[in-house]
Amino acid sequence: MVRKSTSKRSKKDKTLEKEIKALKERIKVLEESLASEKKKSETYLNQLKYLQADFENFRKRTKKEIEVVIERGNAELVKKLLPVIDDLELAIKNARNHHDFQAFLEGVELVFKKLMDVMGKEGLEKIPTEGELFNPELHDAVLLVPSTKYGEGVVVEEVRSGFKFKNRLIRPALVKVSKGDKG
C-alpha cells in the first residue's frame, strides 16, 4: 500500500510541478508584459511632457505675436492721428498770435472733422440721438423733459455723444428724453 500512496504522491507532485511551472511561465509572461507596458507608459509620459512644453512655447509665442500686431495697429492709428495733432498745434499757435476767435473756432471745427474722419475710417461710429426714438441699448437717459416739438420717448438733446466701434457699443449716448407736451 505504500507504493500506491507514493505513486499517488508522485502523480500529484508531477501535476503540482506542472502547475507551478505553468504559473511560473505565466508570471514570466506577465512580468514581461508589465515591463513592456511600463516602458510604453514612460514613452507616453515623455511625449506628453514634450507636447506640454511645445504647447507652452506656442502659447507664449502667440501671445507675443498678438502683442506685436496690436502694437503695429496702434502705431498705424497714431500715425493717422499725427496730422490732426499738427493741425491742433497750428490752430493754437495762430489763436495766440492773431486773437481771432472766429478763425480759431473754424480751425478747431475743421480739425474735429478731420479727427472724426480718421476715426470713422477705423470703425468708430457716432450714435444718432436728437429726434431718434429712445433706445436703452444705445442711450442713457439723464433727464425727462416736456416737449411740444417731440413726442413721448423721443430724444430731445444729446448731453454727451455715444459711440460704436465696428458695430459694438463702446459708450452709450447721454440724452434728454421727451415726456411729451405734459408740463
C-alpha atoms as a PDB file:
ATOM      1  CA  MET A   1       0.000   0.000   0.000  1.00  0.00           C
ATOM      2  CA  VAL A   2       2.855   2.226   0.494  1.00  0.00           C
ATOM      3  CA  ARG A   3       3.598   2.050  -3.139  1.00  0.00           C
ATOM      4  CA  LYS A   4       0.199   3.286  -4.135  1.00  0.00           C
ATOM      5  CA  SER A   5       0.465   6.236  -1.866  1.00  0.00           C
ATOM      6  CA  THR A   6       3.899   7.070  -3.245  1.00  0.00           C
ATOM      7  CA  SER A   7       2.638   6.678  -6.729  1.00  0.00           C
ATOM      8  CA  LYS A   8      -0.340   8.897  -5.993  1.00  0.00           C
ATOM      9  CA  ARG A   9       2.015  11.380  -4.451  1.00  0.00           C
ATOM     10  CA  SER A  10       4.328  11.372  -7.354  1.00  0.00           C
ATOM     11  CA  LYS A  11       1.398  11.926  -9.716  1.00  0.00           C
ATOM     12  CA  LYS A  12       0.222  14.739  -7.513  1.00  0.00           C
ATOM     13  CA  ASP A  13       3.775  16.064  -7.309  1.00  0.00           C
ATOM     14  CA  LYS A  14       4.130  15.900 -11.059  1.00  0.00           C
ATOM     15  CA  THR A  15       0.786  17.609 -11.566  1.00  0.00           C
ATOM     16  CA  LEU A  16       1.704  20.188  -8.970  1.00  0.00           C
ATOM     17  CA  GLU A  17       5.090  20.717 -10.583  1.00  0.00           C
ATOM     18  CA  LYS A  18       3.413  21.172 -13.977  1.00  0.00           C
ATOM     19  CA  GLU A  19       1.004  23.693 -12.493  1.00  0.00           C
ATOM     20  CA  ILE A  20       3.859  25.526 -10.769  1.00  0.00           C
ATOM     21  CA  LYS A  21       5.868  25.522 -13.971  1.00  0.00           C
ATOM     22  CA  ALA A  22       2.836  26.824 -15.913  1.00  0.00           C
ATOM     23  CA  LEU A  23       2.282  29.500 -13.251  1.00  0.00           C
ATOM     24  CA  LYS A  24       5.949  30.487 -13.357  1.00  0.00           C
ATOM     25  CA  GLU A  25       5.757  30.783 -17.137  1.00  0.00           C
ATOM     26  CA  ARG A  26       2.545  32.797 -16.808  1.00  0.00           C
ATOM     27  CA  ILE A  27       4.225  35.057 -14.212  1.00  0.00           C
ATOM     28  CA  LYS A  28       7.212  35.472 -16.511  1.00  0.00           C
ATOM     29  CA  VAL A  29       4.917  36.424 -19.416  1.00  0.00           C
ATOM     30  CA  LEU A  30       3.008  38.841 -17.164  1.00  0.00           C
ATOM     31  CA  GLU A  31       6.242  40.384 -15.866  1.00  0.00           C
ATOM     32  CA  GLU A  32       7.488  40.838 -19.436  1.00  0.00           C
ATOM     33  CA  SER A  33       4.138  42.318 -20.425  1.00  0.00           C
ATOM     34  CA  LEU A  34       4.227  44.615 -17.382  1.00  0.00           C
ATOM     35  CA  ALA A  35       7.770  45.736 -18.237  1.00  0.00           C
ATOM     36  CA  SER A  36       6.700  46.378 -21.833  1.00  0.00           C
ATOM     37  CA  GLU A  37       3.647  48.381 -20.707  1.00  0.00           C
ATOM     38  CA  LYS A  38       5.777  50.283 -18.201  1.00  0.00           C
ATOM     39  CA  LYS A  39       8.194  51.179 -20.997  1.00  0.00           C
ATOM     40  CA  LYS A  40       5.281  52.320 -23.194  1.00  0.00           C
ATOM     41  CA  SER A  41       3.916  54.343 -20.290  1.00  0.00           C
ATOM     42  CA  GLU A  42       7.260  56.079 -19.781  1.00  0.00           C
ATOM     43  CA  THR A  43       7.454  56.794 -23.523  1.00  0.00           C
ATOM     44  CA  TYR A  44       3.943  58.270 -23.495  1.00  0.00           C
ATOM     45  CA  LEU A  45       4.745  60.323 -20.405  1.00  0.00           C
ATOM     46  CA  ASN A  46       7.862  61.746 -22.065  1.00  0.00           C
ATOM     47  CA  GLN A  47       5.901  62.506 -25.233  1.00  0.00           C
ATOM     48  CA  LEU A  48       3.248  64.228 -23.135  1.00  0.00           C
ATOM     49  CA  LYS A  49       5.887  66.318 -21.353  1.00  0.00           C
ATOM     50  CA  TYR A  50       7.395  67.388 -24.695  1.00  0.00           C
ATOM     51  CA  LEU A  51       3.952  68.150 -26.070  1.00  0.00           C
ATOM     52  CA  GLN A  52       3.120  70.206 -22.988  1.00  0.00           C
ATOM     53  CA  ALA A  53       6.376  72.155 -23.320  1.00  0.00           C
ATOM     54  CA  ASP A  54       5.733  72.711 -27.043  1.00  0.00           C
ATOM     55  CA  PHE A  55       2.235  73.961 -26.290  1.00  0.00           C
ATOM     56  CA  GLU A  56       3.521  76.356 -23.621  1.00  0.00           C
ATOM     57  CA  ASN A  57       6.117  77.703 -26.075  1.00  0.00           C
ATOM     58  CA  PHE A  58       3.407  78.050 -28.732  1.00  0.00           C
ATOM     59  CA  ARG A  59       1.165  79.933 -26.277  1.00  0.00           C
ATOM     60  CA  LYS A  60       3.973  82.332 -25.328  1.00  0.00           C
ATOM     61  CA  ARG A  61       4.940  82.874 -28.970  1.00  0.00           C
ATOM     62  CA  THR A  62       1.316  83.510 -29.969  1.00  0.00           C
ATOM     63  CA  LYS A  63       0.879  85.982 -27.110  1.00  0.00           C
ATOM     64  CA  LYS A  64       3.990  87.875 -28.252  1.00  0.00           C
ATOM     65  CA  GLU A  65       2.787  87.878 -31.872  1.00  0.00           C
ATOM     66  CA  ILE A  66      -0.604  89.247 -30.807  1.00  0.00           C
ATOM     67  CA  GLU A  67       1.108  91.989 -28.787  1.00  0.00           C
ATOM     68  CA  VAL A  68       3.229  92.911 -31.824  1.00  0.00           C
ATOM     69  CA  VAL A  69       0.153  93.040 -34.086  1.00  0.00           C
ATOM     70  CA  ILE A  70      -1.705  95.235 -31.577  1.00  0.00           C
ATOM     71  CA  GLU A  71       1.324  97.492 -31.218  1.00  0.00           C
ATOM     72  CA  ARG A  72       1.619  97.852 -35.002  1.00  0.00           C
ATOM     73  CA  GLY A  73      -2.099  98.594 -35.275  1.00  0.00           C
ATOM     74  CA  ASN A  74      -1.842 101.235 -32.567  1.00  0.00           C
ATOM     75  CA  ALA A  75       1.199 102.742 -34.296  1.00  0.00           C
ATOM     76  CA  GLU A  76      -0.764 102.955 -37.568  1.00  0.00           C
ATOM     77  CA  LEU A  77      -3.645 104.703 -35.805  1.00  0.00           C
ATOM     78  CA  VAL A  78      -1.279 107.123 -34.080  1.00  0.00           C
ATOM     79  CA  LYS A  79       0.392 107.821 -37.439  1.00  0.00           C
ATOM     80  CA  LYS A  80      -3.022 108.665 -38.920  1.00  0.00           C
ATOM     81  CA  LEU A  81      -3.727 110.996 -35.978  1.00  0.00           C
ATOM     82  CA  LEU A  82      -0.450 112.941 -36.295  1.00  0.00           C
ATOM     83  CA  PRO A  83      -1.855 115.377 -38.915  1.00  0.00           C
ATOM     84  CA  VAL A  84      -4.720 116.123 -36.516  1.00  0.00           C
ATOM     85  CA  ILE A  85      -2.212 116.910 -33.772  1.00  0.00           C
ATOM     86  CA  ASP A  86      -0.284 119.124 -36.213  1.00  0.00           C
ATOM     87  CA  ASP A  87      -3.485 120.983 -37.104  1.00  0.00           C
ATOM     88  CA  LEU A  88      -4.381 121.495 -33.438  1.00  0.00           C
ATOM     89  CA  GLU A  89      -0.919 122.864 -32.690  1.00  0.00           C
ATOM     90  CA  LEU A  90      -1.219 125.229 -35.653  1.00  0.00           C
ATOM     91  CA  ALA A  91      -4.684 126.386 -34.539  1.00  0.00           C
ATOM     92  CA  ILE A  92      -3.405 127.097 -31.012  1.00  0.00           C
ATOM     93  CA  LYS A  93      -0.364 128.951 -32.359  1.00  0.00           C
ATOM     94  CA  ASN A  94      -2.495 131.089 -34.699  1.00  0.00           C
ATOM     95  CA  ALA A  95      -5.018 131.840 -31.945  1.00  0.00           C
ATOM     96  CA  ARG A  96      -2.213 133.114 -29.704  1.00  0.00           C
ATOM     97  CA  ASN A  97      -0.759 135.293 -32.447  1.00  0.00           C
ATOM     98  CA  HIS A  98      -3.920 136.678 -34.047  1.00  0.00           C
ATOM     99  CA  HIS A  99      -6.617 136.652 -31.345  1.00  0.00           C
ATOM    100  CA  ASP A 100      -9.292 135.963 -33.976  1.00  0.00           C
ATOM    101  CA  PHE A 101     -11.893 133.825 -32.208  1.00  0.00           C
ATOM    102  CA  GLN A 102     -13.973 133.117 -35.314  1.00  0.00           C
ATOM    103  CA  ALA A 103     -10.954 131.876 -37.293  1.00  0.00           C
ATOM    104  CA  PHE A 104      -9.872 129.803 -34.289  1.00  0.00           C
ATOM    105  CA  LEU A 105     -13.337 128.256 -33.999  1.00  0.00           C
ATOM    106  CA  GLU A 106     -13.418 127.409 -37.715  1.00  0.00           C
ATOM    107  CA  GLY A 107      -9.952 125.874 -37.462  1.00  0.00           C
ATOM    108  CA  VAL A 108     -10.923 123.725 -34.473  1.00  0.00           C
ATOM    109  CA  GLU A 109     -14.094 122.603 -36.276  1.00  0.00           C
ATOM    110  CA  LEU A 110     -12.001 121.548 -39.284  1.00  0.00           C
ATOM    111  CA  VAL A 111      -9.598 119.647 -37.023  1.00  0.00           C
ATOM    112  CA  PHE A 112     -12.540 117.955 -35.284  1.00  0.00           C
ATOM    113  CA  LYS A 113     -13.982 116.922 -38.655  1.00  0.00           C
ATOM    114  CA  LYS A 114     -10.587 115.533 -39.710  1.00  0.00           C
ATOM    115  CA  LEU A 115     -10.329 113.604 -36.429  1.00  0.00           C
ATOM    116  CA  MET A 116     -13.815 112.132 -36.861  1.00  0.00           C
ATOM    117  CA  ASP A 117     -12.983 111.164 -40.464  1.00  0.00           C
ATOM    118  CA  VAL A 118      -9.852 109.313 -39.328  1.00  0.00           C
ATOM    119  CA  MET A 119     -11.729 107.571 -36.524  1.00  0.00           C
ATOM    120  CA  GLY A 120     -14.638 106.751 -38.854  1.00  0.00           C
ATOM    121  CA  LYS A 121     -12.260 105.024 -41.268  1.00  0.00           C
ATOM    122  CA  GLU A 122     -11.003 102.970 -38.324  1.00  0.00           C
ATOM    123  CA  GLY A 123     -14.553 101.853 -37.457  1.00  0.00           C
ATOM    124  CA  LEU A 124     -15.775 104.481 -34.980  1.00  0.00           C
ATOM    125  CA  GLU A 125     -19.396 105.475 -35.475  1.00  0.00           C
ATOM    126  CA  LYS A 126     -21.306 108.149 -33.577  1.00  0.00           C
ATOM    127  CA  ILE A 127     -24.684 107.013 -32.247  1.00  0.00           C
ATOM    128  CA  PRO A 128     -27.586 109.072 -33.664  1.00  0.00           C
ATOM    129  CA  THR A 129     -29.507 110.902 -30.947  1.00  0.00           C
ATOM    130  CA  GLU A 130     -31.669 114.012 -31.414  1.00  0.00           C
ATOM    131  CA  GLY A 131     -35.019 113.175 -32.982  1.00  0.00           C
ATOM    132  CA  GLU A 132     -34.422 109.421 -32.597  1.00  0.00           C
ATOM    133  CA  LEU A 133     -36.662 107.155 -30.557  1.00  0.00           C
ATOM    134  CA  PHE A 134     -35.015 106.461 -27.188  1.00  0.00           C
ATOM    135  CA  ASN A 135     -33.210 103.106 -27.298  1.00  0.00           C
ATOM    136  CA  PRO A 136     -31.939 101.849 -23.916  1.00  0.00           C
ATOM    137  CA  GLU A 137     -29.318  99.745 -25.700  1.00  0.00           C
ATOM    138  CA  LEU A 138     -27.738 102.877 -27.222  1.00  0.00           C
ATOM    139  CA  HIS A 139     -28.859 105.748 -25.000  1.00  0.00           C
ATOM    140  CA  ASP A 140     -28.702 106.565 -21.282  1.00  0.00           C
ATOM    141  CA  ALA A 141     -31.457 108.988 -20.284  1.00  0.00           C
ATOM    142  CA  VAL A 142     -30.291 111.650 -17.827  1.00  0.00           C
ATOM    143  CA  LEU A 143     -33.469 113.711 -17.810  1.00  0.00           C
ATOM    144  CA  LEU A 144     -37.113 113.593 -18.909  1.00  0.00           C
ATOM    145  CA  VAL A 145     -38.235 116.950 -20.301  1.00  0.00           C
ATOM    146  CA  PRO A 146     -41.545 118.285 -21.630  1.00  0.00           C
ATOM    147  CA  SER A 147     -41.540 118.939 -25.372  1.00  0.00           C
ATOM    148  CA  THR A 148     -44.062 120.181 -27.883  1.00  0.00           C
ATOM    149  CA  LYS A 149     -41.624 119.511 -30.740  1.00  0.00           C
ATOM    150  CA  TYR A 150     -41.111 115.789 -29.999  1.00  0.00           C
ATOM    151  CA  GLY A 151     -43.500 113.072 -28.894  1.00  0.00           C
ATOM    152  CA  GLU A 152     -43.045 110.947 -25.814  1.00  0.00           C
ATOM    153  CA  GLY A 153     -39.927 108.753 -25.762  1.00  0.00           C
ATOM    154  CA  VAL A 154     -38.010 110.723 -28.391  1.00  0.00           C
ATOM    155  CA  VAL A 155     -34.502 112.057 -27.740  1.00  0.00           C
ATOM    156  CA  VAL A 156     -34.647 115.850 -27.405  1.00  0.00           C
ATOM    157  CA  GLU A 157     -30.994 116.673 -26.740  1.00  0.00           C
ATOM    158  CA  GLU A 158     -27.621 114.967 -26.579  1.00  0.00           C
ATOM    159  CA  VAL A 159     -25.681 115.663 -23.383  1.00  0.00           C
ATOM    160  CA  ARG A 160     -22.674 113.504 -24.334  1.00  0.00           C
ATOM    161  CA  SER A 161     -22.003 111.651 -27.573  1.00  0.00           C
ATOM    162  CA  GLY A 162     -22.136 107.887 -27.657  1.00  0.00           C
ATOM    163  CA  PHE A 163     -20.095 105.671 -29.947  1.00  0.00           C
ATOM    164  CA  LYS A 164     -19.936 102.233 -31.521  1.00  0.00           C
ATOM    165  CA  PHE A 165     -16.676 100.717 -32.670  1.00  0.00           C
ATOM    166  CA  LYS A 166     -17.100  98.260 -35.537  1.00  0.00           C
ATOM    167  CA  ASN A 167     -20.791  97.869 -34.654  1.00  0.00           C
ATOM    168  CA  ARG A 168     -20.047  97.211 -30.976  1.00  0.00           C
ATOM    169  CA  LEU A 169     -21.249  99.709 -28.379  1.00  0.00           C
ATOM    170  CA  ILE A 170     -18.315 101.242 -26.547  1.00  0.00           C
ATOM    171  CA  ARG A 171     -20.146 104.144 -24.881  1.00  0.00           C
ATOM    172  CA  PRO A 172     -23.869 104.913 -24.793  1.00  0.00           C
ATOM    173  CA  ALA A 173     -25.024 108.448 -25.543  1.00  0.00           C
ATOM    174  CA  LEU A 174     -26.256 110.522 -22.591  1.00  0.00           C
ATOM    175  CA  VAL A 175     -29.525 112.123 -23.648  1.00  0.00           C
ATOM    176  CA  LYS A 176     -32.535 114.126 -22.556  1.00  0.00           C
ATOM    177  CA  VAL A 177     -35.798 112.399 -23.494  1.00  0.00           C
ATOM    178  CA  SER A 178     -39.193 113.931 -24.187  1.00  0.00           C
ATOM    179  CA  LYS A 179     -42.045 113.090 -21.892  1.00  0.00           C
ATOM    180  CA  GLY A 180     -44.434 114.695 -24.375  1.00  0.00           C
ATOM    181  CA  ASP A 181     -46.102 118.082 -24.060  1.00  0.00           C
ATOM    182  CA  LYS A 182     -47.205 117.472 -20.486  1.00  0.00           C
ATOM    183  CA  GLY A 183     -45.786 120.134 -18.240  1.00  0.00           C
END
